[in-house]
Each structure stands twice: as C-alpha cells, then as structure tokens.
Amino acid sequence: QVLLYCPDVVKVLVEARRVLKPGGRILSVDTDMSEFTLYSSDPERVQRVLGRLKQVVAHTTLPRQMPMFIQQAGLKIQTADSVTLMSAGTASLESWAGFMVLDTFPRMVEGKPDPE
C-alpha cells in the first residue's frame, strides 16, 4: 500500500517498468479510502483517525484510478481483483496481513480461484 502515499503514481510505475525483467509483474494492493470504514465506541476518535488518513494519503480513490495510471505508464493490466476485507472484534492487523500474504496474494498472482 505504498502507492497510496506517492503523489506521482505514474512516475513510480514508469520506474517499475524500467527495472522489471521482460515478462515481469507488479502486484499493487491499495485501499479505496473513500470506502474505508472504522468502528469504535468513540465516534470522535474515528473521525480524527479517518481525517488524518485523508490528510496523509495522496490518492484516496487509488484503486479506481489505477487503470488510468497503468496505461499512462505504458503497462498492461493482466488481472484485476477486488478483495473485501473485514476485521471484527479484536483481530489484529498482523493476522489480517498474514492471511493476505500467505493465502490471498499467492492465489491472485498465480491466477488460482478462491477455495470453495
């Protein structure tokens, strides 16, 4: 989720294209901050956190903008997937990240379907 914070995503993608081996791939996982929700028993805290995120993120709707940026950088989209993530209760960020790294991302990269 680095690209969310980059003011010039096309410049980053052009550099990635330059250093990729022929046939190489880029995997981009980014959050649509306009669809991001957070719950807490303290609504004011939620508003402070969401407000701060919107201040530091360069592209709050990056997933929607990526096809345009990819085309401008001279790259082609091989596959594009949308993944809905939800954490309820006290689930930690580490457990979510572990699930994504060990389960979801490898299937996306290898083009394997979700398990039934």
N, C-alpha and C. Protein backbone atom coordinates (compact mmCIF):
# COMPACT_ATOMS: atom_id res chain seq x y z
N GLN A 1 0.81 -1.18 0.00
CA GLN A 1 0.00 0.00 0.00
C GLN A 1 0.86 1.25 0.00
N VAL A 2 1.96 1.18 -0.67
CA VAL A 2 2.87 2.32 -0.76
C VAL A 2 2.36 3.38 -1.73
N LEU A 3 1.76 2.93 -2.83
CA LEU A 3 1.34 3.87 -3.87
C LEU A 3 0.31 4.89 -3.37
N LEU A 4 -0.44 4.54 -2.35
CA LEU A 4 -1.41 5.48 -1.78
C LEU A 4 -0.76 6.79 -1.35
N TYR A 5 0.50 6.71 -0.95
CA TYR A 5 1.21 7.86 -0.40
C TYR A 5 2.08 8.57 -1.42
N CYS A 6 2.15 8.09 -2.65
CA CYS A 6 3.00 8.67 -3.69
C CYS A 6 2.22 9.70 -4.48
N PRO A 7 2.69 10.94 -4.50
CA PRO A 7 1.97 11.96 -5.26
C PRO A 7 1.94 11.69 -6.77
N ASP A 8 3.01 11.08 -7.30
CA ASP A 8 3.09 10.82 -8.74
C ASP A 8 3.18 9.32 -9.00
N VAL A 9 2.04 8.67 -9.01
CA VAL A 9 1.97 7.22 -9.18
C VAL A 9 2.51 6.80 -10.54
N VAL A 10 2.23 7.57 -11.57
CA VAL A 10 2.70 7.24 -12.92
C VAL A 10 4.22 7.19 -12.94
N LYS A 11 4.87 8.13 -12.30
CA LYS A 11 6.35 8.15 -12.25
C LYS A 11 6.88 6.88 -11.57
N VAL A 12 6.23 6.45 -10.51
CA VAL A 12 6.63 5.23 -9.81
C VAL A 12 6.45 4.02 -10.71
N LEU A 13 5.32 3.95 -11.41
CA LEU A 13 5.06 2.83 -12.30
C LEU A 13 6.01 2.81 -13.50
N VAL A 14 6.36 3.97 -14.02
CA VAL A 14 7.32 4.03 -15.13
C VAL A 14 8.67 3.49 -14.66
N GLU A 15 9.08 3.84 -13.47
CA GLU A 15 10.35 3.33 -12.93
C GLU A 15 10.26 1.83 -12.69
N ALA A 16 9.13 1.36 -12.20
CA ALA A 16 8.95 -0.08 -12.00
C ALA A 16 9.05 -0.81 -13.35
N ARG A 17 8.43 -0.26 -14.37
CA ARG A 17 8.50 -0.86 -15.71
C ARG A 17 9.95 -0.91 -16.19
N ARG A 18 10.72 0.13 -15.91
CA ARG A 18 12.11 0.20 -16.35
C ARG A 18 12.96 -0.91 -15.73
N VAL A 19 12.71 -1.22 -14.46
CA VAL A 19 13.56 -2.19 -13.77
C VAL A 19 13.04 -3.62 -13.82
N LEU A 20 11.81 -3.81 -14.30
CA LEU A 20 11.27 -5.16 -14.41
C LEU A 20 12.00 -5.96 -15.49
N LYS A 21 12.18 -7.24 -15.22
CA LYS A 21 12.67 -8.14 -16.26
C LYS A 21 11.57 -8.29 -17.30
N PRO A 22 11.92 -8.64 -18.53
CA PRO A 22 10.87 -8.90 -19.53
C PRO A 22 9.88 -9.94 -19.00
N GLY A 23 8.61 -9.64 -19.11
CA GLY A 23 7.57 -10.55 -18.61
C GLY A 23 7.34 -10.42 -17.11
N GLY A 24 8.04 -9.50 -16.45
CA GLY A 24 7.89 -9.32 -15.01
C GLY A 24 6.52 -8.77 -14.65
N ARG A 25 6.16 -8.89 -13.40
CA ARG A 25 4.84 -8.47 -12.92
C ARG A 25 4.97 -7.51 -11.75
N ILE A 26 3.97 -6.69 -11.62
CA ILE A 26 3.83 -5.80 -10.47
C ILE A 26 2.52 -6.17 -9.79
N LEU A 27 2.54 -6.31 -8.49
CA LEU A 27 1.31 -6.54 -7.73
C LEU A 27 1.06 -5.29 -6.89
N SER A 28 -0.07 -4.69 -7.09
CA SER A 28 -0.43 -3.48 -6.34
C SER A 28 -1.65 -3.80 -5.49
N VAL A 29 -1.53 -3.55 -4.22
CA VAL A 29 -2.65 -3.75 -3.30
C VAL A 29 -2.86 -2.42 -2.59
N ASP A 30 -3.98 -1.81 -2.86
CA ASP A 30 -4.25 -0.49 -2.30
C ASP A 30 -5.68 -0.40 -1.80
N THR A 31 -5.91 0.52 -0.91
CA THR A 31 -7.20 0.70 -0.28
C THR A 31 -7.91 1.91 -0.86
N ASP A 32 -9.18 1.75 -1.16
CA ASP A 32 -10.01 2.88 -1.56
C ASP A 32 -10.44 3.55 -0.26
N MET A 33 -9.76 4.63 0.07
CA MET A 33 -10.01 5.28 1.35
C MET A 33 -11.40 5.91 1.43
N SER A 34 -12.03 6.16 0.29
CA SER A 34 -13.38 6.70 0.34
C SER A 34 -14.39 5.63 0.75
N GLU A 35 -13.98 4.36 0.70
CA GLU A 35 -14.85 3.25 1.11
C GLU A 35 -14.40 2.64 2.44
N PHE A 36 -13.35 3.16 3.02
CA PHE A 36 -12.78 2.64 4.25
C PHE A 36 -13.68 3.01 5.43
N THR A 37 -14.02 2.04 6.25
CA THR A 37 -14.84 2.31 7.43
C THR A 37 -14.12 1.80 8.67
N LEU A 38 -14.43 2.41 9.76
CA LEU A 38 -13.80 2.09 11.03
C LEU A 38 -14.85 2.27 12.11
N TYR A 39 -14.89 1.35 13.04
CA TYR A 39 -15.86 1.47 14.13
C TYR A 39 -15.11 1.53 15.45
N SER A 40 -15.61 2.37 16.32
CA SER A 40 -15.12 2.47 17.69
C SER A 40 -16.27 2.98 18.55
N SER A 41 -16.19 2.71 19.83
CA SER A 41 -17.22 3.24 20.73
C SER A 41 -17.06 4.76 20.90
N ASP A 42 -15.96 5.30 20.35
CA ASP A 42 -15.70 6.74 20.42
C ASP A 42 -15.78 7.33 19.00
N PRO A 43 -16.95 7.79 18.58
CA PRO A 43 -17.12 8.30 17.21
C PRO A 43 -16.18 9.46 16.87
N GLU A 44 -15.87 10.30 17.86
CA GLU A 44 -14.96 11.42 17.59
C GLU A 44 -13.56 10.91 17.25
N ARG A 45 -13.14 9.86 17.92
CA ARG A 45 -11.84 9.26 17.63
C ARG A 45 -11.82 8.71 16.19
N VAL A 46 -12.89 8.06 15.80
CA VAL A 46 -12.99 7.54 14.43
C VAL A 46 -12.84 8.68 13.44
N GLN A 47 -13.53 9.78 13.66
CA GLN A 47 -13.45 10.92 12.75
C GLN A 47 -12.03 11.50 12.70
N ARG A 48 -11.35 11.55 13.85
CA ARG A 48 -9.96 12.04 13.87
C ARG A 48 -9.04 11.13 13.06
N VAL A 49 -9.19 9.81 13.24
CA VAL A 49 -8.35 8.85 12.53
C VAL A 49 -8.61 8.94 11.03
N LEU A 50 -9.89 8.91 10.62
CA LEU A 50 -10.22 8.98 9.20
C LEU A 50 -9.78 10.31 8.60
N GLY A 51 -9.94 11.39 9.35
CA GLY A 51 -9.50 12.70 8.86
C GLY A 51 -8.00 12.74 8.66
N ARG A 52 -7.25 12.17 9.58
CA ARG A 52 -5.78 12.15 9.46
C ARG A 52 -5.36 11.28 8.28
N LEU A 53 -6.00 10.14 8.09
CA LEU A 53 -5.68 9.29 6.94
C LEU A 53 -5.86 10.06 5.63
N LYS A 54 -6.94 10.79 5.52
CA LYS A 54 -7.20 11.53 4.29
C LYS A 54 -6.19 12.66 4.08
N GLN A 55 -5.56 13.12 5.16
CA GLN A 55 -4.53 14.16 5.04
C GLN A 55 -3.21 13.60 4.52
N VAL A 56 -2.88 12.37 4.88
CA VAL A 56 -1.56 11.83 4.51
C VAL A 56 -1.59 10.96 3.26
N VAL A 57 -2.76 10.53 2.83
CA VAL A 57 -2.88 9.70 1.64
C VAL A 57 -3.00 10.61 0.43
N ALA A 58 -2.15 10.39 -0.58
CA ALA A 58 -2.16 11.24 -1.77
C ALA A 58 -3.34 10.94 -2.69
N HIS A 59 -3.79 9.69 -2.71
CA HIS A 59 -4.86 9.27 -3.63
C HIS A 59 -5.89 8.46 -2.85
N THR A 60 -6.97 9.12 -2.43
CA THR A 60 -7.96 8.42 -1.61
C THR A 60 -8.77 7.41 -2.40
N THR A 61 -8.79 7.51 -3.72
CA THR A 61 -9.53 6.56 -4.55
C THR A 61 -8.59 5.85 -5.53
N LEU A 62 -7.39 5.54 -5.08
CA LEU A 62 -6.37 4.99 -5.96
C LEU A 62 -6.80 3.75 -6.73
N PRO A 63 -7.46 2.76 -6.12
CA PRO A 63 -7.84 1.58 -6.91
C PRO A 63 -8.67 1.94 -8.15
N ARG A 64 -9.51 2.95 -8.03
CA ARG A 64 -10.31 3.37 -9.18
C ARG A 64 -9.48 4.09 -10.23
N GLN A 65 -8.38 4.72 -9.81
CA GLN A 65 -7.51 5.47 -10.72
C GLN A 65 -6.42 4.60 -11.35
N MET A 66 -6.15 3.44 -10.77
CA MET A 66 -5.04 2.61 -11.24
C MET A 66 -5.09 2.25 -12.72
N PRO A 67 -6.23 1.86 -13.29
CA PRO A 67 -6.21 1.54 -14.72
C PRO A 67 -5.66 2.69 -15.57
N MET A 68 -6.05 3.91 -15.26
CA MET A 68 -5.56 5.08 -15.99
C MET A 68 -4.05 5.25 -15.77
N PHE A 69 -3.59 5.15 -14.52
CA PHE A 69 -2.17 5.31 -14.22
C PHE A 69 -1.34 4.22 -14.90
N ILE A 70 -1.85 3.01 -14.89
CA ILE A 70 -1.14 1.88 -15.51
C ILE A 70 -0.99 2.12 -17.01
N GLN A 71 -2.04 2.56 -17.64
CA GLN A 71 -1.99 2.85 -19.08
C GLN A 71 -1.02 3.99 -19.36
N GLN A 72 -1.05 5.05 -18.56
CA GLN A 72 -0.16 6.18 -18.75
C GLN A 72 1.31 5.79 -18.59
N ALA A 73 1.57 4.77 -17.76
CA ALA A 73 2.94 4.31 -17.52
C ALA A 73 3.40 3.32 -18.58
N GLY A 74 2.53 2.98 -19.53
CA GLY A 74 2.91 2.05 -20.58
C GLY A 74 2.86 0.60 -20.17
N LEU A 75 2.12 0.30 -19.11
CA LEU A 75 1.96 -1.07 -18.63
C LEU A 75 0.59 -1.60 -19.04
N LYS A 76 0.41 -2.90 -18.90
CA LYS A 76 -0.87 -3.54 -19.23
C LYS A 76 -1.39 -4.26 -18.00
N ILE A 77 -2.69 -4.23 -17.84
CA ILE A 77 -3.33 -4.96 -16.73
C ILE A 77 -3.52 -6.40 -17.18
N GLN A 78 -2.96 -7.33 -16.41
CA GLN A 78 -3.17 -8.75 -16.70
C GLN A 78 -4.43 -9.24 -16.00
N THR A 79 -4.54 -8.94 -14.73
CA THR A 79 -5.74 -9.26 -13.97
C THR A 79 -5.98 -8.15 -12.95
N ALA A 80 -7.22 -7.96 -12.60
CA ALA A 80 -7.57 -7.00 -11.55
C ALA A 80 -8.64 -7.64 -10.69
N ASP A 81 -8.42 -7.65 -9.40
CA ASP A 81 -9.37 -8.24 -8.47
C ASP A 81 -9.68 -7.25 -7.37
N SER A 82 -10.86 -7.34 -6.86
CA SER A 82 -11.28 -6.55 -5.71
C SER A 82 -11.47 -7.52 -4.55
N VAL A 83 -10.89 -7.18 -3.42
CA VAL A 83 -10.98 -8.03 -2.24
C VAL A 83 -11.59 -7.21 -1.11
N THR A 84 -12.67 -7.69 -0.54
CA THR A 84 -13.28 -7.03 0.60
C THR A 84 -12.70 -7.63 1.87
N LEU A 85 -12.22 -6.78 2.73
CA LEU A 85 -11.62 -7.23 3.99
C LEU A 85 -12.44 -6.70 5.15
N MET A 86 -12.65 -7.55 6.13
CA MET A 86 -13.36 -7.14 7.32
C MET A 86 -12.71 -7.78 8.52
N SER A 87 -12.50 -6.99 9.52
CA SER A 87 -11.95 -7.49 10.77
C SER A 87 -12.95 -7.15 11.86
N ALA A 88 -13.43 -8.15 12.56
CA ALA A 88 -14.39 -7.92 13.63
C ALA A 88 -13.77 -8.28 14.97
N GLY A 89 -14.18 -7.60 15.97
CA GLY A 89 -13.68 -7.91 17.31
C GLY A 89 -12.25 -7.44 17.48
N THR A 90 -11.43 -8.30 18.04
CA THR A 90 -10.07 -7.90 18.39
C THR A 90 -9.04 -8.47 17.42
N ALA A 91 -9.44 -8.83 16.21
CA ALA A 91 -8.49 -9.37 15.24
C ALA A 91 -7.39 -8.35 15.01
N SER A 92 -6.17 -8.83 14.96
CA SER A 92 -5.04 -7.92 14.84
C SER A 92 -4.68 -7.69 13.38
N LEU A 93 -4.02 -6.58 13.14
CA LEU A 93 -3.53 -6.28 11.80
C LEU A 93 -2.56 -7.36 11.34
N GLU A 94 -1.77 -7.90 12.25
CA GLU A 94 -0.81 -8.94 11.89
C GLU A 94 -1.52 -10.19 11.37
N SER A 95 -2.65 -10.57 11.98
CA SER A 95 -3.35 -11.76 11.50
C SER A 95 -3.96 -11.50 10.13
N TRP A 96 -4.48 -10.28 9.91
CA TRP A 96 -5.02 -9.93 8.60
C TRP A 96 -3.90 -9.95 7.56
N ALA A 97 -2.78 -9.32 7.87
CA ALA A 97 -1.67 -9.27 6.92
C ALA A 97 -1.14 -10.67 6.63
N GLY A 98 -1.06 -11.51 7.64
CA GLY A 98 -0.60 -12.88 7.44
C GLY A 98 -1.52 -13.64 6.51
N PHE A 99 -2.82 -13.47 6.68
CA PHE A 99 -3.78 -14.12 5.80
C PHE A 99 -3.59 -13.67 4.37
N MET A 100 -3.43 -12.37 4.18
CA MET A 100 -3.28 -11.84 2.83
C MET A 100 -1.99 -12.35 2.18
N VAL A 101 -0.90 -12.35 2.93
CA VAL A 101 0.39 -12.75 2.36
C VAL A 101 0.43 -14.25 2.11
N LEU A 102 -0.10 -15.04 3.03
CA LEU A 102 0.00 -16.49 2.90
C LEU A 102 -1.11 -17.12 2.06
N ASP A 103 -2.24 -16.46 1.94
CA ASP A 103 -3.37 -17.08 1.25
C ASP A 103 -3.80 -16.31 0.01
N THR A 104 -4.25 -15.10 0.17
CA THR A 104 -4.90 -14.38 -0.92
C THR A 104 -3.92 -13.94 -2.01
N PHE A 105 -2.82 -13.31 -1.66
CA PHE A 105 -1.88 -12.80 -2.67
C PHE A 105 -1.31 -13.91 -3.54
N PRO A 106 -0.85 -15.02 -2.96
CA PRO A 106 -0.32 -16.08 -3.84
C PRO A 106 -1.36 -16.57 -4.85
N ARG A 107 -2.61 -16.72 -4.43
CA ARG A 107 -3.65 -17.16 -5.36
C ARG A 107 -3.87 -16.12 -6.45
N MET A 108 -3.85 -14.85 -6.09
CA MET A 108 -4.04 -13.79 -7.08
C MET A 108 -2.91 -13.80 -8.11
N VAL A 109 -1.69 -13.91 -7.62
CA VAL A 109 -0.52 -13.87 -8.52
C VAL A 109 -0.52 -15.09 -9.44
N GLU A 110 -0.87 -16.25 -8.89
CA GLU A 110 -0.84 -17.49 -9.68
C GLU A 110 -2.13 -17.70 -10.48
N GLY A 111 -3.10 -16.81 -10.32
CA GLY A 111 -4.35 -16.93 -11.07
C GLY A 111 -5.23 -18.07 -10.63
N LYS A 112 -5.08 -18.49 -9.37
CA LYS A 112 -5.90 -19.59 -8.86
C LYS A 112 -7.20 -19.05 -8.30
N PRO A 113 -8.29 -19.79 -8.44
CA PRO A 113 -9.57 -19.32 -7.91
C PRO A 113 -9.60 -19.42 -6.39
N ASP A 114 -10.56 -18.70 -5.81
CA ASP A 114 -10.76 -18.79 -4.37
C ASP A 114 -11.21 -20.20 -4.02
N PRO A 115 -10.77 -20.72 -2.86
CA PRO A 115 -11.23 -22.05 -2.45
C PRO A 115 -12.73 -22.00 -2.13
N GLU A 116 -13.40 -23.10 -2.38
CA GLU A 116 -14.85 -23.14 -2.14
C GLU A 116 -15.15 -23.50 -0.71
